[in-house]
N, C-alpha and C. Protein backbone atom coordinates (compact mmCIF):
# COMPACT_ATOMS: atom_id res chain seq x y z
N UNK A 1 -7.24 -1.18 20.38
CA UNK A 1 -6.99 0.25 20.20
C UNK A 1 -8.00 0.88 19.26
N UNK A 2 -8.46 0.12 18.26
CA UNK A 2 -9.32 0.71 17.25
C UNK A 2 -10.77 0.27 17.34
N UNK A 3 -11.59 0.91 16.50
CA UNK A 3 -13.00 0.58 16.42
C UNK A 3 -13.47 0.80 14.99
N UNK A 4 -14.59 0.17 14.65
CA UNK A 4 -15.18 0.34 13.33
C UNK A 4 -16.26 1.39 13.39
N UNK A 5 -16.20 2.35 12.46
CA UNK A 5 -17.20 3.41 12.38
C UNK A 5 -17.79 3.39 10.98
N UNK A 6 -18.76 4.26 10.76
CA UNK A 6 -19.40 4.38 9.46
C UNK A 6 -19.12 5.76 8.87
N UNK A 7 -18.87 5.79 7.57
CA UNK A 7 -18.68 7.03 6.84
C UNK A 7 -19.74 7.13 5.75
N UNK A 8 -20.23 8.32 5.50
CA UNK A 8 -21.20 8.53 4.42
C UNK A 8 -20.60 9.47 3.39
N UNK A 9 -20.51 8.98 2.15
CA UNK A 9 -19.93 9.76 1.06
C UNK A 9 -20.93 10.78 0.53
N UNK A 10 -20.46 11.65 -0.35
CA UNK A 10 -21.30 12.74 -0.87
C UNK A 10 -22.51 12.23 -1.65
N UNK A 11 -22.41 11.01 -2.21
CA UNK A 11 -23.55 10.47 -2.95
C UNK A 11 -24.49 9.65 -2.08
N UNK A 12 -24.28 9.69 -0.76
CA UNK A 12 -25.17 9.02 0.18
C UNK A 12 -24.82 7.59 0.51
N UNK A 13 -23.80 7.03 -0.12
CA UNK A 13 -23.39 5.66 0.16
C UNK A 13 -22.61 5.60 1.48
N UNK A 14 -22.92 4.61 2.29
CA UNK A 14 -22.26 4.44 3.59
C UNK A 14 -21.30 3.25 3.52
N UNK A 15 -20.09 3.46 4.03
CA UNK A 15 -19.10 2.40 4.11
C UNK A 15 -18.56 2.35 5.54
N UNK A 16 -17.90 1.25 5.86
CA UNK A 16 -17.26 1.14 7.17
C UNK A 16 -15.84 1.67 7.10
N UNK A 17 -15.25 1.92 8.25
CA UNK A 17 -13.86 2.38 8.33
C UNK A 17 -13.31 2.00 9.69
N UNK A 18 -12.02 1.70 9.71
CA UNK A 18 -11.35 1.36 10.97
C UNK A 18 -10.69 2.62 11.51
N UNK A 19 -11.00 2.98 12.75
CA UNK A 19 -10.50 4.18 13.38
C UNK A 19 -9.64 3.82 14.58
N UNK A 20 -8.42 4.33 14.61
CA UNK A 20 -7.50 4.13 15.74
C UNK A 20 -7.15 5.49 16.31
N UNK A 21 -7.33 5.65 17.61
CA UNK A 21 -7.15 6.95 18.27
C UNK A 21 -5.95 6.87 19.23
N UNK A 22 -5.08 7.87 19.21
CA UNK A 22 -3.91 7.83 20.10
C UNK A 22 -4.30 7.99 21.56
N UNK A 23 -3.41 7.57 22.45
CA UNK A 23 -3.69 7.66 23.88
C UNK A 23 -3.70 9.10 24.36
N UNK A 24 -2.83 9.93 23.83
CA UNK A 24 -2.77 11.33 24.24
C UNK A 24 -3.37 12.25 23.20
N UNK A 25 -2.94 13.48 23.22
CA UNK A 25 -3.43 14.46 22.25
C UNK A 25 -2.97 14.08 20.85
N UNK A 26 -3.89 14.16 19.91
CA UNK A 26 -3.58 13.78 18.54
C UNK A 26 -2.68 14.81 17.87
N UNK A 27 -1.71 14.31 17.09
CA UNK A 27 -0.82 15.17 16.32
C UNK A 27 -1.39 15.49 14.95
N UNK A 28 -2.57 14.97 14.64
CA UNK A 28 -3.21 15.17 13.35
C UNK A 28 -3.84 13.87 12.89
N UNK A 29 -4.51 13.94 11.75
CA UNK A 29 -5.18 12.76 11.22
C UNK A 29 -4.39 12.14 10.08
N UNK A 30 -4.50 10.82 9.95
CA UNK A 30 -3.87 10.10 8.84
C UNK A 30 -4.91 9.16 8.23
N UNK A 31 -5.26 9.39 6.99
CA UNK A 31 -6.11 8.46 6.25
C UNK A 31 -5.21 7.36 5.68
N UNK A 32 -5.52 6.13 5.99
CA UNK A 32 -4.73 4.97 5.55
C UNK A 32 -5.52 4.24 4.47
N UNK A 33 -4.94 4.17 3.26
CA UNK A 33 -5.63 3.54 2.15
C UNK A 33 -5.09 2.14 1.93
N UNK A 34 -5.99 1.20 1.88
CA UNK A 34 -5.71 -0.23 1.82
C UNK A 34 -5.02 -0.66 0.53
N UNK A 35 -4.47 -1.87 0.59
CA UNK A 35 -4.03 -2.59 -0.61
C UNK A 35 -5.27 -3.21 -1.26
N UNK A 36 -5.06 -4.11 -2.22
CA UNK A 36 -6.19 -4.78 -2.85
C UNK A 36 -6.78 -5.87 -1.96
N UNK A 37 -6.28 -5.98 -0.73
CA UNK A 37 -6.71 -7.05 0.16
C UNK A 37 -7.73 -6.58 1.21
N UNK A 38 -8.22 -5.36 1.07
CA UNK A 38 -9.22 -4.84 1.98
C UNK A 38 -8.63 -4.30 3.27
N UNK A 39 -9.51 -3.88 4.15
CA UNK A 39 -9.07 -3.43 5.49
C UNK A 39 -8.93 -4.70 6.33
N UNK A 40 -7.79 -5.34 6.17
CA UNK A 40 -7.52 -6.61 6.85
C UNK A 40 -6.67 -6.37 8.10
N UNK A 41 -6.17 -7.45 8.68
CA UNK A 41 -5.38 -7.32 9.91
C UNK A 41 -4.19 -6.39 9.72
N UNK A 42 -3.53 -6.51 8.59
CA UNK A 42 -2.34 -5.67 8.35
C UNK A 42 -2.70 -4.20 8.34
N UNK A 43 -3.75 -3.83 7.63
CA UNK A 43 -4.12 -2.41 7.55
C UNK A 43 -4.56 -1.91 8.92
N UNK A 44 -5.26 -2.72 9.68
CA UNK A 44 -5.62 -2.30 11.04
C UNK A 44 -4.36 -2.12 11.88
N UNK A 45 -3.38 -2.99 11.71
CA UNK A 45 -2.12 -2.84 12.44
C UNK A 45 -1.38 -1.56 12.03
N UNK A 46 -1.45 -1.22 10.75
CA UNK A 46 -0.84 0.03 10.29
C UNK A 46 -1.51 1.22 10.99
N UNK A 47 -2.84 1.20 11.04
CA UNK A 47 -3.56 2.27 11.74
C UNK A 47 -3.17 2.33 13.22
N UNK A 48 -3.11 1.18 13.86
CA UNK A 48 -2.72 1.14 15.26
C UNK A 48 -1.31 1.69 15.46
N UNK A 49 -0.43 1.39 14.50
CA UNK A 49 0.94 1.91 14.59
C UNK A 49 0.98 3.43 14.51
N UNK A 50 0.20 4.01 13.60
CA UNK A 50 0.17 5.47 13.52
C UNK A 50 -0.48 6.07 14.77
N UNK A 51 -1.43 5.36 15.36
CA UNK A 51 -2.01 5.85 16.61
C UNK A 51 -0.96 5.85 17.72
N UNK A 52 -0.12 4.82 17.76
CA UNK A 52 0.97 4.81 18.75
C UNK A 52 1.95 5.95 18.51
N UNK A 53 2.06 6.37 17.25
CA UNK A 53 2.92 7.50 16.92
C UNK A 53 2.26 8.84 17.23
N UNK A 54 1.02 8.80 17.68
CA UNK A 54 0.33 10.02 18.10
C UNK A 54 -0.69 10.57 17.14
N UNK A 55 -0.99 9.83 16.08
CA UNK A 55 -1.94 10.31 15.07
C UNK A 55 -3.27 9.57 15.18
N UNK A 56 -4.33 10.24 14.77
CA UNK A 56 -5.63 9.60 14.63
C UNK A 56 -5.69 8.99 13.24
N UNK A 57 -5.77 7.68 13.14
CA UNK A 57 -5.67 6.99 11.86
C UNK A 57 -7.02 6.39 11.48
N UNK A 58 -7.36 6.53 10.20
CA UNK A 58 -8.67 6.07 9.72
C UNK A 58 -8.49 5.37 8.37
N UNK A 59 -8.93 4.12 8.28
CA UNK A 59 -8.83 3.35 7.04
C UNK A 59 -10.22 3.07 6.49
N UNK A 60 -10.65 3.78 5.44
CA UNK A 60 -11.96 3.52 4.85
C UNK A 60 -11.97 2.20 4.09
N UNK A 61 -13.01 1.42 4.25
CA UNK A 61 -13.14 0.13 3.57
C UNK A 61 -13.70 0.39 2.17
N UNK A 62 -12.83 0.70 1.24
CA UNK A 62 -13.29 1.18 -0.07
C UNK A 62 -13.88 0.07 -0.94
N UNK A 63 -13.75 -1.19 -0.53
CA UNK A 63 -14.44 -2.26 -1.25
C UNK A 63 -15.89 -2.40 -0.81
N UNK A 64 -16.28 -1.72 0.27
CA UNK A 64 -17.64 -1.87 0.79
C UNK A 64 -18.70 -1.52 -0.25
N UNK A 65 -18.40 -0.62 -1.15
CA UNK A 65 -19.37 -0.25 -2.19
C UNK A 65 -19.77 -1.44 -3.06
N UNK A 66 -18.85 -2.34 -3.28
CA UNK A 66 -19.12 -3.46 -4.17
C UNK A 66 -19.26 -4.79 -3.45
N UNK A 67 -18.61 -4.91 -2.29
CA UNK A 67 -18.72 -6.12 -1.48
C UNK A 67 -18.30 -5.80 -0.05
N UNK A 68 -19.25 -5.64 0.85
CA UNK A 68 -18.93 -5.28 2.23
C UNK A 68 -18.13 -6.36 2.94
N UNK A 69 -17.24 -5.90 3.83
CA UNK A 69 -16.53 -6.82 4.72
C UNK A 69 -15.40 -7.61 4.08
N UNK A 70 -14.82 -7.12 3.00
CA UNK A 70 -13.74 -7.85 2.34
C UNK A 70 -12.47 -7.78 3.18
N UNK A 71 -11.94 -8.94 3.55
CA UNK A 71 -10.64 -9.06 4.23
C UNK A 71 -9.93 -10.26 3.62
N UNK A 72 -8.88 -10.00 2.87
CA UNK A 72 -8.19 -11.05 2.15
C UNK A 72 -6.78 -11.28 2.69
N UNK A 73 -6.27 -12.47 2.43
CA UNK A 73 -4.89 -12.79 2.73
C UNK A 73 -4.04 -12.55 1.49
N UNK A 74 -2.87 -13.21 1.46
CA UNK A 74 -1.89 -12.90 0.40
C UNK A 74 -1.55 -14.09 -0.48
N UNK A 75 -2.39 -15.15 -0.43
CA UNK A 75 -2.12 -16.29 -1.31
C UNK A 75 -2.72 -16.05 -2.69
N UNK A 76 -2.54 -17.01 -3.58
CA UNK A 76 -2.95 -16.83 -4.96
C UNK A 76 -4.43 -16.58 -5.14
N UNK A 77 -5.27 -17.33 -4.42
CA UNK A 77 -6.72 -17.18 -4.57
C UNK A 77 -7.18 -15.81 -4.11
N UNK A 78 -6.70 -15.38 -2.96
CA UNK A 78 -7.08 -14.06 -2.45
C UNK A 78 -6.52 -12.95 -3.32
N UNK A 79 -5.32 -13.16 -3.85
CA UNK A 79 -4.73 -12.18 -4.76
C UNK A 79 -5.62 -11.99 -5.99
N UNK A 80 -6.09 -13.10 -6.55
CA UNK A 80 -6.96 -13.03 -7.73
C UNK A 80 -8.26 -12.29 -7.41
N UNK A 81 -8.83 -12.56 -6.23
CA UNK A 81 -10.07 -11.87 -5.88
C UNK A 81 -9.82 -10.38 -5.68
N UNK A 82 -8.72 -10.03 -5.02
CA UNK A 82 -8.41 -8.62 -4.81
C UNK A 82 -8.24 -7.88 -6.12
N UNK A 83 -7.56 -8.50 -7.07
CA UNK A 83 -7.37 -7.88 -8.38
C UNK A 83 -8.69 -7.73 -9.11
N UNK A 84 -9.55 -8.75 -8.98
CA UNK A 84 -10.86 -8.67 -9.62
C UNK A 84 -11.68 -7.51 -9.06
N UNK A 85 -11.64 -7.33 -7.75
CA UNK A 85 -12.39 -6.25 -7.13
C UNK A 85 -11.82 -4.88 -7.50
N UNK A 86 -10.49 -4.74 -7.41
CA UNK A 86 -9.86 -3.44 -7.62
C UNK A 86 -9.88 -3.02 -9.09
N UNK A 87 -9.63 -3.97 -9.98
CA UNK A 87 -9.50 -3.63 -11.40
C UNK A 87 -10.77 -3.87 -12.19
N UNK A 88 -11.59 -4.81 -11.72
CA UNK A 88 -12.76 -5.17 -12.50
C UNK A 88 -14.06 -4.55 -12.05
N UNK A 89 -14.21 -4.30 -10.75
CA UNK A 89 -15.50 -3.87 -10.23
C UNK A 89 -15.50 -2.46 -9.63
N UNK A 90 -14.38 -2.07 -9.05
CA UNK A 90 -14.32 -0.77 -8.39
C UNK A 90 -14.31 0.35 -9.43
N UNK A 91 -15.06 1.41 -9.16
CA UNK A 91 -15.07 2.58 -10.03
C UNK A 91 -14.34 3.71 -9.31
N UNK A 92 -13.20 4.11 -9.85
CA UNK A 92 -12.33 5.06 -9.15
C UNK A 92 -13.03 6.37 -8.78
N UNK A 93 -13.86 6.96 -9.64
CA UNK A 93 -14.52 8.21 -9.22
C UNK A 93 -15.35 8.05 -7.94
N UNK A 94 -16.00 6.89 -7.80
CA UNK A 94 -16.79 6.65 -6.59
C UNK A 94 -15.89 6.32 -5.41
N UNK A 95 -14.78 5.64 -5.68
CA UNK A 95 -13.80 5.40 -4.62
C UNK A 95 -13.31 6.72 -4.03
N UNK A 96 -13.08 7.69 -4.90
CA UNK A 96 -12.58 8.98 -4.43
C UNK A 96 -13.61 9.70 -3.54
N UNK A 97 -14.89 9.45 -3.77
CA UNK A 97 -15.92 10.00 -2.88
C UNK A 97 -15.76 9.42 -1.47
N UNK A 98 -15.49 8.13 -1.40
CA UNK A 98 -15.31 7.49 -0.10
C UNK A 98 -14.06 8.00 0.60
N UNK A 99 -13.00 8.18 -0.17
CA UNK A 99 -11.75 8.70 0.41
C UNK A 99 -11.95 10.13 0.90
N UNK A 100 -12.68 10.93 0.14
CA UNK A 100 -12.96 12.30 0.57
C UNK A 100 -13.76 12.31 1.87
N UNK A 101 -14.68 11.35 2.01
CA UNK A 101 -15.46 11.25 3.24
C UNK A 101 -14.55 10.97 4.44
N UNK A 102 -13.52 10.14 4.23
CA UNK A 102 -12.57 9.85 5.31
C UNK A 102 -11.76 11.09 5.66
N UNK A 103 -11.31 11.83 4.64
CA UNK A 103 -10.58 13.07 4.88
C UNK A 103 -11.44 14.05 5.67
N UNK A 104 -12.67 14.19 5.25
CA UNK A 104 -13.58 15.15 5.91
C UNK A 104 -13.83 14.77 7.36
N UNK A 105 -13.95 13.46 7.62
CA UNK A 105 -14.19 13.01 9.00
C UNK A 105 -13.04 13.42 9.90
N UNK A 106 -11.82 13.18 9.47
CA UNK A 106 -10.66 13.56 10.28
C UNK A 106 -10.43 15.06 10.27
N UNK A 107 -10.74 15.70 9.16
CA UNK A 107 -10.50 17.13 9.03
C UNK A 107 -11.32 17.98 9.97
N UNK A 108 -12.40 17.41 10.51
CA UNK A 108 -13.21 18.17 11.46
C UNK A 108 -12.46 18.45 12.75
N UNK A 109 -11.35 17.70 12.98
CA UNK A 109 -10.59 17.85 14.23
C UNK A 109 -9.19 18.40 14.03
N UNK A 110 -8.76 18.59 12.77
CA UNK A 110 -7.41 19.10 12.56
C UNK A 110 -6.88 18.73 11.19
N UNK A 111 -5.60 19.00 10.93
CA UNK A 111 -5.00 18.72 9.63
C UNK A 111 -4.91 17.23 9.35
N UNK A 112 -4.89 16.88 8.05
CA UNK A 112 -4.98 15.48 7.65
C UNK A 112 -3.89 15.15 6.63
N UNK A 113 -3.22 14.03 6.85
CA UNK A 113 -2.27 13.45 5.89
C UNK A 113 -2.87 12.16 5.36
N UNK A 114 -2.20 11.59 4.36
CA UNK A 114 -2.65 10.31 3.80
C UNK A 114 -1.46 9.42 3.52
N UNK A 115 -1.64 8.12 3.76
CA UNK A 115 -0.65 7.12 3.39
C UNK A 115 -1.40 5.95 2.77
N UNK A 116 -0.81 5.34 1.74
CA UNK A 116 -1.48 4.22 1.09
C UNK A 116 -0.49 3.26 0.49
N UNK A 117 -0.94 2.03 0.27
CA UNK A 117 -0.05 0.94 -0.12
C UNK A 117 -0.60 0.20 -1.34
N UNK A 118 0.26 -0.05 -2.34
CA UNK A 118 -0.14 -0.78 -3.53
C UNK A 118 -1.27 -0.02 -4.22
N UNK A 119 -2.46 -0.59 -4.33
CA UNK A 119 -3.59 0.14 -4.89
C UNK A 119 -3.79 1.45 -4.13
N UNK A 120 -3.57 1.40 -2.82
CA UNK A 120 -3.69 2.61 -2.01
C UNK A 120 -2.64 3.65 -2.35
N UNK A 121 -1.48 3.23 -2.87
CA UNK A 121 -0.47 4.18 -3.30
C UNK A 121 -0.94 4.96 -4.50
N UNK A 122 -1.64 4.29 -5.44
CA UNK A 122 -2.24 4.98 -6.58
C UNK A 122 -3.33 5.94 -6.12
N UNK A 123 -4.15 5.51 -5.18
CA UNK A 123 -5.21 6.38 -4.65
C UNK A 123 -4.59 7.61 -3.98
N UNK A 124 -3.47 7.43 -3.30
CA UNK A 124 -2.77 8.58 -2.72
C UNK A 124 -2.39 9.59 -3.79
N UNK A 125 -1.84 9.09 -4.89
CA UNK A 125 -1.44 9.98 -5.99
C UNK A 125 -2.64 10.76 -6.52
N UNK A 126 -3.73 10.06 -6.78
CA UNK A 126 -4.95 10.72 -7.26
C UNK A 126 -5.47 11.73 -6.24
N UNK A 127 -5.43 11.35 -4.98
CA UNK A 127 -5.94 12.23 -3.92
C UNK A 127 -5.12 13.51 -3.82
N UNK A 128 -3.82 13.40 -4.05
CA UNK A 128 -2.95 14.57 -3.93
C UNK A 128 -3.32 15.68 -4.90
N UNK A 129 -3.91 15.29 -6.04
CA UNK A 129 -4.25 16.29 -7.04
C UNK A 129 -5.73 16.54 -7.20
N UNK A 130 -6.57 15.64 -6.68
CA UNK A 130 -8.00 15.74 -6.95
C UNK A 130 -8.85 16.09 -5.73
N UNK A 131 -8.39 15.74 -4.54
CA UNK A 131 -9.24 15.89 -3.35
C UNK A 131 -8.83 17.11 -2.54
N UNK A 132 -9.70 17.49 -1.63
CA UNK A 132 -9.46 18.67 -0.78
C UNK A 132 -9.30 18.24 0.66
N UNK A 133 -8.64 19.12 1.45
CA UNK A 133 -8.51 18.88 2.87
C UNK A 133 -7.28 18.14 3.31
N UNK A 134 -6.37 17.83 2.37
CA UNK A 134 -5.14 17.13 2.72
C UNK A 134 -3.99 18.11 2.93
N UNK A 135 -3.08 17.75 3.83
CA UNK A 135 -1.88 18.55 4.05
C UNK A 135 -0.66 17.94 3.38
N UNK A 136 -0.64 16.61 3.21
CA UNK A 136 0.48 15.92 2.57
C UNK A 136 0.09 14.47 2.31
N UNK A 137 0.89 13.80 1.46
CA UNK A 137 0.57 12.43 1.04
C UNK A 137 1.86 11.62 0.94
N UNK A 138 1.80 10.36 1.39
CA UNK A 138 2.91 9.42 1.24
C UNK A 138 2.37 8.12 0.65
N UNK A 139 2.74 7.83 -0.60
CA UNK A 139 2.23 6.65 -1.29
C UNK A 139 3.31 5.60 -1.49
N UNK A 140 2.98 4.36 -1.16
CA UNK A 140 3.92 3.25 -1.30
C UNK A 140 3.57 2.40 -2.53
N UNK A 141 4.56 2.13 -3.35
CA UNK A 141 4.50 1.23 -4.51
C UNK A 141 3.13 1.22 -5.21
N UNK A 142 2.73 2.41 -5.63
CA UNK A 142 1.46 2.55 -6.34
C UNK A 142 1.62 2.29 -7.82
N UNK A 143 1.07 1.19 -8.30
CA UNK A 143 1.11 0.90 -9.73
C UNK A 143 0.16 1.81 -10.49
N UNK A 144 0.55 2.20 -11.69
CA UNK A 144 -0.31 3.03 -12.52
C UNK A 144 -0.02 4.50 -12.46
N UNK A 145 0.81 4.94 -11.53
CA UNK A 145 1.10 6.37 -11.39
C UNK A 145 1.77 6.90 -12.65
N UNK A 146 2.65 6.09 -13.24
CA UNK A 146 3.38 6.54 -14.43
C UNK A 146 2.44 6.82 -15.60
N UNK A 147 1.24 6.28 -15.57
CA UNK A 147 0.25 6.55 -16.61
C UNK A 147 -0.63 7.73 -16.30
N UNK A 148 -0.38 8.39 -15.17
CA UNK A 148 -1.19 9.53 -14.75
C UNK A 148 -0.31 10.72 -14.40
N UNK A 149 0.70 10.96 -15.22
CA UNK A 149 1.67 12.01 -14.91
C UNK A 149 1.16 13.41 -15.23
N UNK A 150 -0.01 13.50 -15.87
CA UNK A 150 -0.59 14.81 -16.10
C UNK A 150 -1.23 15.38 -14.84
N UNK A 151 -1.39 14.54 -13.83
CA UNK A 151 -1.91 15.01 -12.54
C UNK A 151 -0.83 15.81 -11.82
N UNK A 152 -1.23 16.92 -11.21
CA UNK A 152 -0.28 17.76 -10.48
C UNK A 152 -0.67 17.80 -9.00
N UNK A 153 0.14 17.22 -8.12
CA UNK A 153 -0.17 17.25 -6.69
C UNK A 153 -0.31 18.68 -6.17
N UNK A 154 -1.31 18.87 -5.33
CA UNK A 154 -1.57 20.19 -4.73
C UNK A 154 -0.93 20.31 -3.35
N UNK A 155 -0.40 19.20 -2.83
CA UNK A 155 0.18 19.18 -1.49
C UNK A 155 1.52 18.45 -1.56
N UNK A 156 2.41 18.64 -0.56
CA UNK A 156 3.67 17.89 -0.54
C UNK A 156 3.41 16.39 -0.65
N UNK A 157 4.11 15.76 -1.59
CA UNK A 157 3.85 14.36 -1.92
C UNK A 157 5.15 13.57 -1.93
N UNK A 158 5.11 12.38 -1.33
CA UNK A 158 6.25 11.49 -1.24
C UNK A 158 5.83 10.12 -1.77
N UNK A 159 6.71 9.49 -2.56
CA UNK A 159 6.42 8.17 -3.12
C UNK A 159 7.57 7.22 -2.82
N UNK A 160 7.22 5.95 -2.58
CA UNK A 160 8.21 4.92 -2.23
C UNK A 160 8.06 3.73 -3.17
N UNK A 161 9.19 3.25 -3.71
CA UNK A 161 9.19 2.11 -4.61
C UNK A 161 10.33 1.15 -4.27
N UNK A 162 10.17 -0.10 -4.69
CA UNK A 162 11.23 -1.09 -4.53
C UNK A 162 11.89 -1.38 -5.86
N UNK A 163 13.21 -1.50 -5.87
CA UNK A 163 13.90 -1.71 -7.15
C UNK A 163 13.77 -3.15 -7.66
N UNK A 164 13.19 -4.03 -6.86
CA UNK A 164 12.97 -5.41 -7.28
C UNK A 164 11.49 -5.69 -7.58
N UNK A 165 10.71 -4.63 -7.69
CA UNK A 165 9.26 -4.73 -7.91
C UNK A 165 8.97 -5.07 -9.37
N UNK A 166 8.52 -6.30 -9.62
CA UNK A 166 8.22 -6.73 -10.99
C UNK A 166 6.97 -6.05 -11.54
N UNK A 167 6.15 -5.48 -10.65
CA UNK A 167 4.91 -4.83 -11.09
C UNK A 167 5.13 -3.39 -11.52
N UNK A 168 6.18 -2.76 -11.03
CA UNK A 168 6.45 -1.35 -11.32
C UNK A 168 7.90 -1.23 -11.78
N UNK A 169 8.16 -1.20 -13.08
CA UNK A 169 9.55 -1.13 -13.56
C UNK A 169 10.20 0.19 -13.17
N UNK A 170 11.51 0.16 -13.02
CA UNK A 170 12.23 1.38 -12.65
C UNK A 170 12.10 2.45 -13.72
N UNK A 171 11.83 2.06 -14.96
CA UNK A 171 11.59 3.06 -16.00
C UNK A 171 10.36 3.90 -15.68
N UNK A 172 9.35 3.29 -15.06
CA UNK A 172 8.18 4.04 -14.62
C UNK A 172 8.55 5.01 -13.50
N UNK A 173 9.36 4.53 -12.57
CA UNK A 173 9.79 5.39 -11.46
C UNK A 173 10.58 6.58 -12.00
N UNK A 174 11.45 6.32 -12.97
CA UNK A 174 12.24 7.40 -13.57
C UNK A 174 11.35 8.42 -14.27
N UNK A 175 10.30 7.94 -14.92
CA UNK A 175 9.40 8.87 -15.60
C UNK A 175 8.66 9.76 -14.61
N UNK A 176 8.34 9.21 -13.44
CA UNK A 176 7.70 10.02 -12.40
C UNK A 176 8.66 11.10 -11.90
N UNK A 177 9.90 10.69 -11.65
CA UNK A 177 10.91 11.65 -11.19
C UNK A 177 11.10 12.78 -12.19
N UNK A 178 11.14 12.44 -13.46
CA UNK A 178 11.39 13.43 -14.50
C UNK A 178 10.23 14.40 -14.65
N UNK A 179 9.01 13.86 -14.56
CA UNK A 179 7.82 14.69 -14.77
C UNK A 179 7.48 15.54 -13.55
N UNK A 180 7.86 15.09 -12.36
CA UNK A 180 7.48 15.78 -11.13
C UNK A 180 8.70 15.90 -10.22
N UNK A 181 9.53 16.86 -10.53
CA UNK A 181 10.77 17.03 -9.77
C UNK A 181 10.52 17.52 -8.34
N UNK A 182 9.32 18.04 -8.06
CA UNK A 182 9.00 18.50 -6.72
C UNK A 182 8.45 17.39 -5.84
N UNK A 183 8.24 16.21 -6.40
CA UNK A 183 7.75 15.07 -5.62
C UNK A 183 8.96 14.28 -5.10
N UNK A 184 8.96 13.97 -3.82
CA UNK A 184 10.05 13.19 -3.22
C UNK A 184 9.85 11.71 -3.56
N UNK A 185 10.71 11.17 -4.42
CA UNK A 185 10.60 9.78 -4.85
C UNK A 185 11.79 8.99 -4.30
N UNK A 186 11.50 7.94 -3.54
CA UNK A 186 12.55 7.12 -2.94
C UNK A 186 12.47 5.70 -3.48
N UNK A 187 13.64 5.12 -3.76
CA UNK A 187 13.72 3.74 -4.23
C UNK A 187 14.54 2.93 -3.24
N UNK A 188 14.02 1.77 -2.87
CA UNK A 188 14.63 0.92 -1.85
C UNK A 188 15.09 -0.41 -2.45
N UNK A 189 16.03 -1.02 -1.81
CA UNK A 189 16.49 -2.35 -2.19
C UNK A 189 15.46 -3.35 -1.68
N UNK A 190 14.33 -3.43 -2.39
CA UNK A 190 13.19 -4.19 -1.87
C UNK A 190 12.23 -4.55 -3.00
N UNK A 191 11.29 -5.41 -2.67
CA UNK A 191 10.28 -5.88 -3.62
C UNK A 191 8.96 -5.16 -3.37
N UNK A 192 7.98 -5.45 -4.22
CA UNK A 192 6.63 -4.92 -4.02
C UNK A 192 6.09 -5.43 -2.68
N UNK A 193 5.36 -4.57 -1.97
CA UNK A 193 4.79 -4.97 -0.69
C UNK A 193 5.78 -5.00 0.45
N UNK A 194 6.88 -4.27 0.31
CA UNK A 194 7.95 -4.38 1.32
C UNK A 194 7.54 -3.89 2.69
N UNK A 195 6.47 -3.12 2.79
CA UNK A 195 6.04 -2.61 4.10
C UNK A 195 5.21 -3.62 4.90
N UNK A 196 4.71 -4.65 4.23
CA UNK A 196 3.75 -5.56 4.88
C UNK A 196 4.45 -6.76 5.50
N UNK A 197 4.45 -6.83 6.82
CA UNK A 197 5.12 -7.94 7.50
C UNK A 197 4.28 -9.22 7.53
N UNK A 198 3.17 -9.24 6.79
CA UNK A 198 2.40 -10.46 6.59
C UNK A 198 2.76 -11.13 5.27
N UNK A 199 3.66 -10.50 4.51
CA UNK A 199 4.01 -11.01 3.19
C UNK A 199 5.47 -11.45 3.15
N UNK A 200 5.77 -12.38 2.25
CA UNK A 200 7.14 -12.85 2.12
C UNK A 200 8.06 -11.76 1.59
N UNK A 201 7.51 -10.74 0.96
CA UNK A 201 8.30 -9.64 0.41
C UNK A 201 8.62 -8.56 1.44
N UNK A 202 8.20 -8.76 2.68
CA UNK A 202 8.48 -7.76 3.73
C UNK A 202 9.97 -7.53 3.85
N UNK A 203 10.34 -6.25 3.94
CA UNK A 203 11.74 -5.86 4.09
C UNK A 203 11.81 -4.90 5.28
N UNK A 204 12.34 -5.38 6.38
CA UNK A 204 12.32 -4.58 7.62
C UNK A 204 13.07 -3.27 7.46
N UNK A 205 14.23 -3.28 6.83
CA UNK A 205 15.03 -2.06 6.70
C UNK A 205 14.31 -1.04 5.83
N UNK A 206 13.79 -1.47 4.67
CA UNK A 206 13.09 -0.54 3.79
C UNK A 206 11.83 -0.01 4.45
N UNK A 207 11.11 -0.89 5.15
CA UNK A 207 9.88 -0.47 5.83
C UNK A 207 10.18 0.59 6.89
N UNK A 208 11.24 0.36 7.66
CA UNK A 208 11.59 1.30 8.73
C UNK A 208 11.99 2.66 8.17
N UNK A 209 12.84 2.67 7.14
CA UNK A 209 13.30 3.94 6.58
C UNK A 209 12.14 4.70 5.94
N UNK A 210 11.29 3.98 5.21
CA UNK A 210 10.15 4.63 4.56
C UNK A 210 9.20 5.22 5.61
N UNK A 211 9.01 4.51 6.70
CA UNK A 211 8.14 5.03 7.78
C UNK A 211 8.76 6.27 8.41
N UNK A 212 10.06 6.25 8.64
CA UNK A 212 10.73 7.43 9.20
C UNK A 212 10.56 8.64 8.30
N UNK A 213 10.73 8.43 7.00
CA UNK A 213 10.55 9.53 6.06
C UNK A 213 9.12 10.02 6.02
N UNK A 214 8.19 9.09 6.11
CA UNK A 214 6.77 9.46 6.12
C UNK A 214 6.44 10.26 7.37
N UNK A 215 6.94 9.83 8.51
CA UNK A 215 6.69 10.57 9.75
C UNK A 215 7.30 11.97 9.69
N UNK A 216 8.46 12.10 9.08
CA UNK A 216 9.08 13.43 8.92
C UNK A 216 8.20 14.32 8.04
N UNK A 217 7.64 13.74 6.98
CA UNK A 217 6.71 14.49 6.12
C UNK A 217 5.50 14.95 6.91
N UNK A 218 4.94 14.05 7.70
CA UNK A 218 3.77 14.40 8.49
C UNK A 218 4.10 15.48 9.52
N UNK A 219 5.22 15.30 10.20
CA UNK A 219 5.63 16.28 11.21
C UNK A 219 5.79 17.67 10.61
N UNK A 220 6.33 17.74 9.40
CA UNK A 220 6.57 19.03 8.76
C UNK A 220 5.30 19.71 8.27
N UNK A 221 4.26 18.91 8.00
CA UNK A 221 3.08 19.48 7.34
C UNK A 221 1.79 19.44 8.15
N UNK A 222 1.80 18.75 9.28
CA UNK A 222 0.59 18.67 10.09
C UNK A 222 0.64 19.58 11.31
N UNK A 223 1.73 20.28 11.52
CA UNK A 223 1.82 21.14 12.69
C UNK A 223 1.04 22.43 12.46
């Protein structure tokens, strides 16, 4: 269903991106932001799923700036490498240039939403307040958001968390709710990574409900 394309950011850097196009008329664009594991099989499957839902989905390979072609699994070694890349080598301001390039690519054909997971959930939060061309954002279990509460989303924003997530305490979730009462914050009986069916923490019920809510957000804001 999908293909790999190239995106060029405002500073001239080119990265790859996975593009999935729906069979019929597109209902809008969805930028899909990866976890710390790169644009791997799971992220491509997420894009393909949104394409089946009628959206044009695009996942920029935001690790390409520092190491092209990163595709990691979910074991300890790959987890360590993903953390090293995301926290040690990636520069968020430059990452945001790549994300903006993805938004602009889809925006040439219509309205654009964004969804992201783990590290991508944090990028969603930053994008909601810093980038242009978005209609709405849905971020899943983004660590670090509670430390960036001075950011004010410019578009309708939805966040999803698991109450068993050891990486994101519920006190952080509560602080987000308190600081941003206009942001839709949902908590599920689930662990970190509950949307990923390649991980042991996958939770089918939480994943399904969160996707339904995300699709409702997109339907309301991409028409």
